[in-house]
Amino acid sequence: MQKPTFFILTALAARPLHGYGIVQSVVDLSGGELTLRPGTLYGALDRLDQQGLIEIDREEAVDGRLRRYYRLSDSGAAALAEEAGRLRRHAAVADHQLGLRPGVAGGAA
C-alpha cells in the first residue's frame, strides 16, 4: 500500500471527512511528511471508492458548493489493519537487526 493510500484510509478510520478535512488530517497524521494536492486526493478517492475501500457517507451544500464526505468501509478497515500489521512486523525486524550492530547496547560485540 502506498503512503498516500495508507494515510487517507487512516484519516477516515475515526470518522467521515470531506476532501479538505482529509488533506488536513493527512498532514497531521503524517507529522507534516505528506501533503496531498487536490488532483492527487480526488484521484485517490475515486480509486479507493471503486475498490470498495471507502464509501460516500453524505453530501451537503456549503456556500452553493457540494461537499462530499467519505467514510472507511469494512473492507477498507480490514485493508488498513492488515497494512498496519505488516508495517509493525517490518519495523520489528528492522529494530531487531539494528540491535545486532556491533557497539550498540544489547548488540553483538
PDB file of N, CA and C in Angstrom:
ATOM      1  N   MET A   1       0.847  -1.175   0.000  1.00  0.00           N
ATOM      2  CA  MET A   1       0.000   0.000   0.000  1.00  0.00           C
ATOM      3  C   MET A   1       0.895   1.242   0.000  1.00  0.00           C
ATOM      4  N   GLN A   2       0.593   2.164  -0.876  1.00  0.00           N
ATOM      5  CA  GLN A   2       1.402   3.370  -0.952  1.00  0.00           C
ATOM      6  C   GLN A   2       1.047   4.321   0.187  1.00  0.00           C
ATOM      7  N   LYS A   3       2.005   5.190   0.501  1.00  0.00           N
ATOM      8  CA  LYS A   3       1.855   6.104   1.636  1.00  0.00           C
ATOM      9  C   LYS A   3       0.586   6.952   1.553  1.00  0.00           C
ATOM     10  N   PRO A   4       0.249   7.573   0.416  1.00  0.00           N
ATOM     11  CA  PRO A   4      -0.976   8.377   0.384  1.00  0.00           C
ATOM     12  C   PRO A   4      -2.228   7.551   0.712  1.00  0.00           C
ATOM     13  N   THR A   5      -2.310   6.343   0.160  1.00  0.00           N
ATOM     14  CA  THR A   5      -3.454   5.478   0.430  1.00  0.00           C
ATOM     15  C   THR A   5      -3.524   5.145   1.912  1.00  0.00           C
ATOM     16  N   PHE A   6      -2.398   4.781   2.499  1.00  0.00           N
ATOM     17  CA  PHE A   6      -2.351   4.441   3.922  1.00  0.00           C
ATOM     18  C   PHE A   6      -2.873   5.605   4.769  1.00  0.00           C
ATOM     19  N   PHE A   7      -2.420   6.806   4.489  1.00  0.00           N
ATOM     20  CA  PHE A   7      -2.818   7.946   5.301  1.00  0.00           C
ATOM     21  C   PHE A   7      -4.248   8.407   5.024  1.00  0.00           C
ATOM     22  N   ILE A   8      -4.735   8.257   3.800  1.00  0.00           N
ATOM     23  CA  ILE A   8      -6.142   8.576   3.523  1.00  0.00           C
ATOM     24  C   ILE A   8      -7.044   7.621   4.300  1.00  0.00           C
ATOM     25  N   LEU A   9      -6.746   6.331   4.235  1.00  0.00           N
ATOM     26  CA  LEU A   9      -7.546   5.353   4.979  1.00  0.00           C
ATOM     27  C   LEU A   9      -7.448   5.600   6.480  1.00  0.00           C
ATOM     28  N   THR A  10      -6.259   5.934   6.954  1.00  0.00           N
ATOM     29  CA  THR A  10      -6.064   6.224   8.375  1.00  0.00           C
ATOM     30  C   THR A  10      -6.873   7.450   8.789  1.00  0.00           C
ATOM     31  N   ALA A  11      -6.882   8.474   7.942  1.00  0.00           N
ATOM     32  CA  ALA A  11      -7.646   9.683   8.244  1.00  0.00           C
ATOM     33  C   ALA A  11      -9.137   9.382   8.378  1.00  0.00           C
ATOM     34  N   LEU A  12      -9.619   8.440   7.587  1.00  0.00           N
ATOM     35  CA  LEU A  12     -11.047   8.112   7.596  1.00  0.00           C
ATOM     36  C   LEU A  12     -11.412   7.050   8.631  1.00  0.00           C
ATOM     37  N   ALA A  13     -10.434   6.515   9.330  1.00  0.00           N
ATOM     38  CA  ALA A  13     -10.697   5.435  10.288  1.00  0.00           C
ATOM     39  C   ALA A  13     -11.561   5.905  11.458  1.00  0.00           C
ATOM     40  N   ALA A  14     -11.396   7.121  11.901  1.00  0.00           N
ATOM     41  CA  ALA A  14     -12.101   7.598  13.093  1.00  0.00           C
ATOM     42  C   ALA A  14     -13.489   8.155  12.778  1.00  0.00           C
ATOM     43  N   ARG A  15     -13.627   8.805  11.620  1.00  0.00           N
ATOM     44  CA  ARG A  15     -14.901   9.449  11.296  1.00  0.00           C
ATOM     45  C   ARG A  15     -14.904   9.868   9.820  1.00  0.00           C
ATOM     46  N   PRO A  16     -16.098  10.088   9.272  1.00  0.00           N
ATOM     47  CA  PRO A  16     -16.183  10.584   7.892  1.00  0.00           C
ATOM     48  C   PRO A  16     -15.597  11.994   7.797  1.00  0.00           C
ATOM     49  N   LEU A  17     -14.972  12.264   6.671  1.00  0.00           N
ATOM     50  CA  LEU A  17     -14.385  13.582   6.414  1.00  0.00           C
ATOM     51  C   LEU A  17     -14.647  13.986   4.969  1.00  0.00           C
ATOM     52  N   HIS A  18     -14.648  15.290   4.718  1.00  0.00           N
ATOM     53  CA  HIS A  18     -14.709  15.803   3.355  1.00  0.00           C
ATOM     54  C   HIS A  18     -13.274  15.999   2.867  1.00  0.00           C
ATOM     55  N   GLY A  19     -13.123  16.344   1.606  1.00  0.00           N
ATOM     56  CA  GLY A  19     -11.800  16.432   0.994  1.00  0.00           C
ATOM     57  C   GLY A  19     -10.798  17.265   1.760  1.00  0.00           C
ATOM     58  N   TYR A  20     -11.161  18.500   2.095  1.00  0.00           N
ATOM     59  CA  TYR A  20     -10.219  19.363   2.810  1.00  0.00           C
ATOM     60  C   TYR A  20      -9.901  18.785   4.191  1.00  0.00           C
ATOM     61  N   GLY A  21     -10.891  18.193   4.837  1.00  0.00           N
ATOM     62  CA  GLY A  21     -10.658  17.548   6.132  1.00  0.00           C
ATOM     63  C   GLY A  21      -9.673  16.399   6.022  1.00  0.00           C
ATOM     64  N   ILE A  22      -9.749  15.656   4.927  1.00  0.00           N
ATOM     65  CA  ILE A  22      -8.805  14.551   4.695  1.00  0.00           C
ATOM     66  C   ILE A  22      -7.403  15.112   4.511  1.00  0.00           C
ATOM     67  N   VAL A  23      -7.282  16.162   3.701  1.00  0.00           N
ATOM     68  CA  VAL A  23      -5.968  16.780   3.463  1.00  0.00           C
ATOM     69  C   VAL A  23      -5.340  17.217   4.786  1.00  0.00           C
ATOM     70  N   GLN A  24      -6.113  17.914   5.611  1.00  0.00           N
ATOM     71  CA  GLN A  24      -5.602  18.397   6.901  1.00  0.00           C
ATOM     72  C   GLN A  24      -5.240  17.236   7.828  1.00  0.00           C
ATOM     73  N   SER A  25      -6.076  16.221   7.869  1.00  0.00           N
ATOM     74  CA  SER A  25      -5.819  15.069   8.725  1.00  0.00           C
ATOM     75  C   SER A  25      -4.564  14.325   8.294  1.00  0.00           C
ATOM     76  N   VAL A  26      -4.373  14.188   6.991  1.00  0.00           N
ATOM     77  CA  VAL A  26      -3.178  13.500   6.478  1.00  0.00           C
ATOM     78  C   VAL A  26      -1.915  14.267   6.878  1.00  0.00           C
ATOM     79  N   VAL A  27      -1.943  15.586   6.776  1.00  0.00           N
ATOM     80  CA  VAL A  27      -0.792  16.398   7.197  1.00  0.00           C
ATOM     81  C   VAL A  27      -0.501  16.143   8.677  1.00  0.00           C
ATOM     82  N   ASP A  28      -1.545  16.183   9.495  1.00  0.00           N
ATOM     83  CA  ASP A  28      -1.375  15.969  10.938  1.00  0.00           C
ATOM     84  C   ASP A  28      -0.875  14.563  11.251  1.00  0.00           C
ATOM     85  N   LEU A  29      -1.536  13.564  10.676  1.00  0.00           N
ATOM     86  CA  LEU A  29      -1.185  12.165  10.972  1.00  0.00           C
ATOM     87  C   LEU A  29       0.218  11.800  10.498  1.00  0.00           C
ATOM     88  N   SER A  30       0.655  12.413   9.411  1.00  0.00           N
ATOM     89  CA  SER A  30       1.980  12.100   8.870  1.00  0.00           C
ATOM     90  C   SER A  30       3.067  12.982   9.469  1.00  0.00           C
ATOM     91  N   GLY A  31       2.721  13.806  10.431  1.00  0.00           N
ATOM     92  CA  GLY A  31       3.701  14.708  11.016  1.00  0.00           C
ATOM     93  C   GLY A  31       4.239  15.708  10.008  1.00  0.00           C
ATOM     94  N   GLY A  32       3.422  16.066   9.034  1.00  0.00           N
ATOM     95  CA  GLY A  32       3.832  17.030   8.013  1.00  0.00           C
ATOM     96  C   GLY A  32       4.641  16.429   6.882  1.00  0.00           C
ATOM     97  N   GLU A  33       4.854  15.116   6.895  1.00  0.00           N
ATOM     98  CA  GLU A  33       5.645  14.473   5.835  1.00  0.00           C
ATOM     99  C   GLU A  33       4.888  14.349   4.521  1.00  0.00           C
ATOM    100  N   LEU A  34       3.563  14.394   4.584  1.00  0.00           N
ATOM    101  CA  LEU A  34       2.770  14.182   3.375  1.00  0.00           C
ATOM    102  C   LEU A  34       1.696  15.250   3.265  1.00  0.00           C
ATOM    103  N   THR A  35       1.685  15.934   2.137  1.00  0.00           N
ATOM    104  CA  THR A  35       0.639  16.900   1.812  1.00  0.00           C
ATOM    105  C   THR A  35       0.036  16.468   0.483  1.00  0.00           C
ATOM    106  N   LEU A  36      -1.261  16.255   0.485  1.00  0.00           N
ATOM    107  CA  LEU A  36      -1.941  15.808  -0.729  1.00  0.00           C
ATOM    108  C   LEU A  36      -2.453  17.006  -1.511  1.00  0.00           C
ATOM    109  N   ARG A  37      -2.183  17.026  -2.792  1.00  0.00           N
ATOM    110  CA  ARG A  37      -2.728  18.050  -3.673  1.00  0.00           C
ATOM    111  C   ARG A  37      -4.129  17.609  -4.083  1.00  0.00           C
ATOM    112  N   PRO A  38      -5.000  18.550  -4.423  1.00  0.00           N
ATOM    113  CA  PRO A  38      -6.369  18.179  -4.767  1.00  0.00           C
ATOM    114  C   PRO A  38      -6.477  17.123  -5.869  1.00  0.00           C
ATOM    115  N   GLY A  39      -5.691  17.249  -6.921  1.00  0.00           N
ATOM    116  CA  GLY A  39      -5.750  16.264  -8.002  1.00  0.00           C
ATOM    117  C   GLY A  39      -5.373  14.870  -7.532  1.00  0.00           C
ATOM    118  N   THR A  40      -4.350  14.799  -6.705  1.00  0.00           N
ATOM    119  CA  THR A  40      -3.913  13.522  -6.144  1.00  0.00           C
ATOM    120  C   THR A  40      -4.985  12.953  -5.225  1.00  0.00           C
ATOM    121  N   LEU A  41      -5.529  13.808  -4.359  1.00  0.00           N
ATOM    122  CA  LEU A  41      -6.538  13.366  -3.404  1.00  0.00           C
ATOM    123  C   LEU A  41      -7.770  12.826  -4.107  1.00  0.00           C
ATOM    124  N   TYR A  42      -8.343  13.602  -5.008  1.00  0.00           N
ATOM    125  CA  TYR A  42      -9.606  13.186  -5.611  1.00  0.00           C
ATOM    126  C   TYR A  42      -9.429  12.001  -6.553  1.00  0.00           C
ATOM    127  N   GLY A  43      -8.282  11.893  -7.197  1.00  0.00           N
ATOM    128  CA  GLY A  43      -7.995  10.692  -7.982  1.00  0.00           C
ATOM    129  C   GLY A  43      -7.917   9.472  -7.083  1.00  0.00           C
ATOM    130  N   ALA A  44      -7.257   9.623  -5.935  1.00  0.00           N
ATOM    131  CA  ALA A  44      -7.139   8.516  -4.975  1.00  0.00           C
ATOM    132  C   ALA A  44      -8.500   8.165  -4.396  1.00  0.00           C
ATOM    133  N   LEU A  45      -9.317   9.176  -4.064  1.00  0.00           N
ATOM    134  CA  LEU A  45     -10.643   8.903  -3.511  1.00  0.00           C
ATOM    135  C   LEU A  45     -11.507   8.138  -4.515  1.00  0.00           C
ATOM    136  N   ASP A  46     -11.454   8.519  -5.785  1.00  0.00           N
ATOM    137  CA  ASP A  46     -12.212   7.794  -6.815  1.00  0.00           C
ATOM    138  C   ASP A  46     -11.749   6.345  -6.900  1.00  0.00           C
ATOM    139  N   ARG A  47     -10.436   6.139  -6.883  1.00  0.00           N
ATOM    140  CA  ARG A  47      -9.880   4.781  -6.971  1.00  0.00           C
ATOM    141  C   ARG A  47     -10.266   3.954  -5.743  1.00  0.00           C
ATOM    142  N   LEU A  48     -10.139   4.547  -4.558  1.00  0.00           N
ATOM    143  CA  LEU A  48     -10.465   3.824  -3.320  1.00  0.00           C
ATOM    144  C   LEU A  48     -11.957   3.507  -3.250  1.00  0.00           C
ATOM    145  N   ASP A  49     -12.789   4.396  -3.774  1.00  0.00           N
ATOM    146  CA  ASP A  49     -14.223   4.139  -3.829  1.00  0.00           C
ATOM    147  C   ASP A  49     -14.507   2.971  -4.776  1.00  0.00           C
ATOM    148  N   GLN A  50     -13.882   2.970  -5.943  1.00  0.00           N
ATOM    149  CA  GLN A  50     -14.071   1.885  -6.912  1.00  0.00           C
ATOM    150  C   GLN A  50     -13.596   0.547  -6.353  1.00  0.00           C
ATOM    151  N   GLN A  51     -12.550   0.582  -5.522  1.00  0.00           N
ATOM    152  CA  GLN A  51     -12.027  -0.641  -4.915  1.00  0.00           C
ATOM    153  C   GLN A  51     -12.844  -1.088  -3.704  1.00  0.00           C
ATOM    154  N   GLY A  52     -13.794  -0.277  -3.292  1.00  0.00           N
ATOM    155  CA  GLY A  52     -14.632  -0.622  -2.154  1.00  0.00           C
ATOM    156  C   GLY A  52     -13.982  -0.380  -0.800  1.00  0.00           C
ATOM    157  N   LEU A  53     -12.882   0.380  -0.767  1.00  0.00           N
ATOM    158  CA  LEU A  53     -12.184   0.643   0.492  1.00  0.00           C
ATOM    159  C   LEU A  53     -12.767   1.837   1.243  1.00  0.00           C
ATOM    160  N   ILE A  54     -13.430   2.727   0.510  1.00  0.00           N
ATOM    161  CA  ILE A  54     -14.137   3.849   1.128  1.00  0.00           C
ATOM    162  C   ILE A  54     -15.517   3.932   0.496  1.00  0.00           C
ATOM    163  N   GLU A  55     -16.391   4.699   1.153  1.00  0.00           N
ATOM    164  CA  GLU A  55     -17.747   4.906   0.652  1.00  0.00           C
ATOM    165  C   GLU A  55     -18.115   6.371   0.839  1.00  0.00           C
ATOM    166  N   ILE A  56     -19.046   6.835   0.035  1.00  0.00           N
ATOM    167  CA  ILE A  56     -19.568   8.180   0.242  1.00  0.00           C
ATOM    168  C   ILE A  56     -20.512   8.111   1.433  1.00  0.00           C
ATOM    169  N   ASP A  57     -20.252   8.949   2.420  1.00  0.00           N
ATOM    170  CA  ASP A  57     -21.069   8.981   3.625  1.00  0.00           C
ATOM    171  C   ASP A  57     -22.295   9.870   3.416  1.00  0.00           C
ATOM    172  N   ARG A  58     -22.055  11.076   2.906  1.00  0.00           N
ATOM    173  CA  ARG A  58     -23.142  12.018   2.663  1.00  0.00           C
ATOM    174  C   ARG A  58     -22.609  13.174   1.820  1.00  0.00           C
ATOM    175  N   GLU A  59     -23.533  13.965   1.336  1.00  0.00           N
ATOM    176  CA  GLU A  59     -23.204  15.190   0.615  1.00  0.00           C
ATOM    177  C   GLU A  59     -24.025  16.313   1.208  1.00  0.00           C
ATOM    178  N   GLU A  60     -23.430  17.489   1.279  1.00  0.00           N
ATOM    179  CA  GLU A  60     -24.163  18.658   1.767  1.00  0.00           C
ATOM    180  C   GLU A  60     -23.722  19.878   0.976  1.00  0.00           C
ATOM    181  N   ALA A  61     -24.622  20.816   0.838  1.00  0.00           N
ATOM    182  CA  ALA A  61     -24.313  22.060   0.134  1.00  0.00           C
ATOM    183  C   ALA A  61     -23.769  23.069   1.136  1.00  0.00           C
ATOM    184  N   VAL A  62     -22.618  23.636   0.812  1.00  0.00           N
ATOM    185  CA  VAL A  62     -21.981  24.653   1.647  1.00  0.00           C
ATOM    186  C   VAL A  62     -21.596  25.807   0.724  1.00  0.00           C
ATOM    187  N   ASP A  63     -22.164  26.970   0.982  1.00  0.00           N
ATOM    188  CA  ASP A  63     -21.910  28.153   0.152  1.00  0.00           C
ATOM    189  C   ASP A  63     -22.149  27.860  -1.331  1.00  0.00           C
ATOM    190  N   GLY A  64     -23.201  27.125  -1.630  1.00  0.00           N
ATOM    191  CA  GLY A  64     -23.554  26.830  -3.009  1.00  0.00           C
ATOM    192  C   GLY A  64     -22.723  25.749  -3.668  1.00  0.00           C
ATOM    193  N   ARG A  65     -21.818  25.132  -2.911  1.00  0.00           N
ATOM    194  CA  ARG A  65     -20.971  24.070  -3.471  1.00  0.00           C
ATOM    195  C   ARG A  65     -21.276  22.769  -2.736  1.00  0.00           C
ATOM    196  N   LEU A  66     -21.186  21.692  -3.465  1.00  0.00           N
ATOM    197  CA  LEU A  66     -21.448  20.387  -2.883  1.00  0.00           C
ATOM    198  C   LEU A  66     -20.210  19.883  -2.149  1.00  0.00           C
ATOM    199  N   ARG A  67     -20.373  19.530  -0.897  1.00  0.00           N
ATOM    200  CA  ARG A  67     -19.275  18.973  -0.093  1.00  0.00           C
ATOM    201  C   ARG A  67     -19.599  17.499   0.139  1.00  0.00           C
ATOM    202  N   ARG A  68     -18.694  16.633  -0.305  1.00  0.00           N
ATOM    203  CA  ARG A  68     -18.892  15.193  -0.182  1.00  0.00           C
ATOM    204  C   ARG A  68     -18.034  14.664   0.964  1.00  0.00           C
ATOM    205  N   TYR A  69     -18.661  13.901   1.840  1.00  0.00           N
ATOM    206  CA  TYR A  69     -17.966  13.262   2.956  1.00  0.00           C
ATOM    207  C   TYR A  69     -17.755  11.788   2.625  1.00  0.00           C
ATOM    208  N   TYR A  70     -16.586  11.293   2.979  1.00  0.00           N
ATOM    209  CA  TYR A  70     -16.229   9.895   2.742  1.00  0.00           C
ATOM    210  C   TYR A  70     -16.036   9.186   4.073  1.00  0.00           C
ATOM    211  N   ARG A  71     -16.294   7.879   4.087  1.00  0.00           N
ATOM    212  CA  ARG A  71     -16.052   7.067   5.273  1.00  0.00           C
ATOM    213  C   ARG A  71     -15.316   5.797   4.861  1.00  0.00           C
ATOM    214  N   LEU A  72     -14.644   5.223   5.810  1.00  0.00           N
ATOM    215  CA  LEU A  72     -13.928   3.963   5.608  1.00  0.00           C
ATOM    216  C   LEU A  72     -14.950   2.829   5.569  1.00  0.00           C
ATOM    217  N   SER A  73     -14.860   1.968   4.580  1.00  0.00           N
ATOM    218  CA  SER A  73     -15.737   0.796   4.507  1.00  0.00           C
ATOM    219  C   SER A  73     -15.161  -0.319   5.378  1.00  0.00           C
ATOM    220  N   ASP A  74     -15.926  -1.368   5.584  1.00  0.00           N
ATOM    221  CA  ASP A  74     -15.415  -2.518   6.331  1.00  0.00           C
ATOM    222  C   ASP A  74     -14.202  -3.126   5.622  1.00  0.00           C
ATOM    223  N   SER A  75     -14.248  -3.189   4.300  1.00  0.00           N
ATOM    224  CA  SER A  75     -13.102  -3.702   3.531  1.00  0.00           C
ATOM    225  C   SER A  75     -11.897  -2.793   3.687  1.00  0.00           C
ATOM    226  N   GLY A  76     -12.143  -1.495   3.729  1.00  0.00           N
ATOM    227  CA  GLY A  76     -11.063  -0.538   3.928  1.00  0.00           C
ATOM    228  C   GLY A  76     -10.438  -0.670   5.303  1.00  0.00           C
ATOM    229  N   ALA A  77     -11.280  -0.895   6.319  1.00  0.00           N
ATOM    230  CA  ALA A  77     -10.762  -1.080   7.678  1.00  0.00           C
ATOM    231  C   ALA A  77      -9.910  -2.347   7.749  1.00  0.00           C
ATOM    232  N   ALA A  78     -10.351  -3.408   7.087  1.00  0.00           N
ATOM    233  CA  ALA A  78      -9.579  -4.656   7.078  1.00  0.00           C
ATOM    234  C   ALA A  78      -8.248  -4.460   6.353  1.00  0.00           C
ATOM    235  N   ALA A  79      -8.267  -3.751   5.226  1.00  0.00           N
ATOM    236  CA  ALA A  79      -7.029  -3.496   4.476  1.00  0.00           C
ATOM    237  C   ALA A  79      -6.073  -2.637   5.288  1.00  0.00           C
ATOM    238  N   LEU A  80      -6.603  -1.626   5.981  1.00  0.00           N
ATOM    239  CA  LEU A  80      -5.761  -0.761   6.809  1.00  0.00           C
ATOM    240  C   LEU A  80      -5.161  -1.533   7.970  1.00  0.00           C
ATOM    241  N   ALA A  81      -5.957  -2.374   8.615  1.00  0.00           N
ATOM    242  CA  ALA A  81      -5.448  -3.187   9.726  1.00  0.00           C
ATOM    243  C   ALA A  81      -4.357  -4.139   9.254  1.00  0.00           C
ATOM    244  N   GLU A  82      -4.543  -4.733   8.087  1.00  0.00           N
ATOM    245  CA  GLU A  82      -3.535  -5.635   7.522  1.00  0.00           C
ATOM    246  C   GLU A  82      -2.235  -4.891   7.233  1.00  0.00           C
ATOM    247  N   GLU A  83      -2.356  -3.697   6.651  1.00  0.00           N
ATOM    248  CA  GLU A  83      -1.164  -2.901   6.338  1.00  0.00           C
ATOM    249  C   GLU A  83      -0.457  -2.446   7.615  1.00  0.00           C
ATOM    250  N   ALA A  84      -1.218  -2.035   8.622  1.00  0.00           N
ATOM    251  CA  ALA A  84      -0.617  -1.615   9.892  1.00  0.00           C
ATOM    252  C   ALA A  84       0.147  -2.783  10.523  1.00  0.00           C
ATOM    253  N   GLY A  85      -0.416  -3.977  10.465  1.00  0.00           N
ATOM    254  CA  GLY A  85       0.275  -5.157  10.987  1.00  0.00           C
ATOM    255  C   GLY A  85       1.549  -5.447  10.216  1.00  0.00           C
ATOM    256  N   ARG A  86       1.487  -5.321   8.892  1.00  0.00           N
ATOM    257  CA  ARG A  86       2.671  -5.545   8.055  1.00  0.00           C
ATOM    258  C   ARG A  86       3.760  -4.549   8.403  1.00  0.00           C
ATOM    259  N   LEU A  87       3.391  -3.285   8.583  1.00  0.00           N
ATOM    260  CA  LEU A  87       4.376  -2.265   8.939  1.00  0.00           C
ATOM    261  C   LEU A  87       4.988  -2.524  10.314  1.00  0.00           C
ATOM    262  N   ARG A  88       4.164  -2.975  11.265  1.00  0.00           N
ATOM    263  CA  ARG A  88       4.695  -3.307  12.601  1.00  0.00           C
ATOM    264  C   ARG A  88       5.698  -4.464  12.512  1.00  0.00           C
ATOM    265  N   ARG A  89       5.362  -5.483  11.728  1.00  0.00           N
ATOM    266  CA  ARG A  89       6.277  -6.626  11.571  1.00  0.00           C
ATOM    267  C   ARG A  89       7.592  -6.183  10.935  1.00  0.00           C
ATOM    268  N   HIS A  90       7.512  -5.351   9.927  1.00  0.00           N
ATOM    269  CA  HIS A  90       8.733  -4.872   9.263  1.00  0.00           C
ATOM    270  C   HIS A  90       9.567  -4.006  10.211  1.00  0.00           C
ATOM    271  N   ALA A  91       8.900  -3.149  10.983  1.00  0.00           N
ATOM    272  CA  ALA A  91       9.627  -2.315  11.948  1.00  0.00           C
ATOM    273  C   ALA A  91      10.299  -3.182  13.003  1.00  0.00           C
ATOM    274  N   ALA A  92       9.647  -4.250  13.443  1.00  0.00           N
ATOM    275  CA  ALA A  92      10.237  -5.152  14.443  1.00  0.00           C
ATOM    276  C   ALA A  92      11.477  -5.829  13.891  1.00  0.00           C
ATOM    277  N   VAL A  93      11.438  -6.223  12.640  1.00  0.00           N
ATOM    278  CA  VAL A  93      12.611  -6.841  12.004  1.00  0.00           C
ATOM    279  C   VAL A  93      13.758  -5.841  11.938  1.00  0.00           C
ATOM    280  N   ALA A  94      13.451  -4.603  11.530  1.00  0.00           N
ATOM    281  CA  ALA A  94      14.489  -3.568  11.448  1.00  0.00           C
ATOM    282  C   ALA A  94      15.068  -3.278  12.833  1.00  0.00           C
ATOM    283  N   ASP A  95      14.196  -3.171  13.853  1.00  0.00           N
ATOM    284  CA  ASP A  95      14.672  -2.930  15.219  1.00  0.00           C
ATOM    285  C   ASP A  95      15.573  -4.067  15.691  1.00  0.00           C
ATOM    286  N   HIS A  96      15.184  -5.288  15.385  1.00  0.00           N
ATOM    287  CA  HIS A  96      15.990  -6.446  15.779  1.00  0.00           C
ATOM    288  C   HIS A  96      17.366  -6.392  15.109  1.00  0.00           C
ATOM    289  N   GLN A  97      17.379  -6.136  13.818  1.00  0.00           N
ATOM    290  CA  GLN A  97      18.649  -6.087  13.083  1.00  0.00           C
ATOM    291  C   GLN A  97      19.532  -4.944  13.582  1.00  0.00           C
ATOM    292  N   LEU A  98      18.927  -3.815  13.893  1.00  0.00           N
ATOM    293  CA  LEU A  98      19.705  -2.706  14.433  1.00  0.00           C
ATOM    294  C   LEU A  98      20.311  -3.061  15.782  1.00  0.00           C
ATOM    295  N   GLY A  99      19.597  -3.848  16.558  1.00  0.00           N
ATOM    296  CA  GLY A  99      20.107  -4.292  17.858  1.00  0.00           C
ATOM    297  C   GLY A  99      21.293  -5.232  17.741  1.00  0.00           C
ATOM    298  N   LEU A 100      21.500  -5.817  16.576  1.00  0.00           N
ATOM    299  CA  LEU A 100      22.622  -6.730  16.356  1.00  0.00           C
ATOM    300  C   LEU A 100      23.899  -6.014  15.925  1.00  0.00           C
ATOM    301  N   ARG A 101      23.829  -4.735  15.687  1.00  0.00           N
ATOM    302  CA  ARG A 101      25.004  -3.965  15.244  1.00  0.00           C
ATOM    303  C   ARG A 101      26.054  -3.931  16.334  1.00  0.00           C
ATOM    304  N   PRO A 102      27.303  -4.118  15.961  1.00  0.00           N
ATOM    305  CA  PRO A 102      28.378  -4.020  16.937  1.00  0.00           C
ATOM    306  C   PRO A 102      28.407  -2.627  17.570  1.00  0.00           C
ATOM    307  N   GLY A 103      28.655  -2.587  18.856  1.00  0.00           N
ATOM    308  CA  GLY A 103      28.780  -1.329  19.555  1.00  0.00           C
ATOM    309  C   GLY A 103      27.460  -0.738  20.006  1.00  0.00           C
ATOM    310  N   VAL A 104      26.356  -1.422  19.718  1.00  0.00           N
ATOM    311  CA  VAL A 104      25.043  -0.957  20.155  1.00  0.00           C
ATOM    312  C   VAL A 104      24.683  -1.696  21.432  1.00  0.00           C
ATOM    313  N   ALA A 105      24.169  -0.971  22.414  1.00  0.00           N
ATOM    314  CA  ALA A 105      23.792  -1.605  23.686  1.00  0.00           C
ATOM    315  C   ALA A 105      22.882  -2.778  23.407  1.00  0.00           C
ATOM    316  N   GLY A 106      23.234  -3.943  23.923  1.00  0.00           N
ATOM    317  CA  GLY A 106      22.459  -5.148  23.714  1.00  0.00           C
ATOM    318  C   GLY A 106      22.802  -5.845  22.426  1.00  0.00           C
ATOM    319  N   GLY A 107      23.652  -5.256  21.588  1.00  0.00           N
ATOM    320  CA  GLY A 107      24.027  -5.859  20.316  1.00  0.00           C
ATOM    321  C   GLY A 107      25.287  -6.675  20.444  1.00  0.00           C
ATOM    322  N   ALA A 108      25.647  -7.335  19.356  1.00  0.00           N
ATOM    323  CA  ALA A 108      26.850  -8.171  19.317  1.00  0.00           C
ATOM    324  C   ALA A 108      28.094  -7.299  19.454  1.00  0.00           C
ATOM    325  N   ALA A 109      29.137  -7.858  20.035  1.00  0.00           N
ATOM    326  CA  ALA A 109      30.388  -7.110  20.211  1.00  0.00           C
ATOM    327  C   ALA A 109      31.373  -7.439  19.128  1.00  0.00           C
TER     328      ALA A 109
END
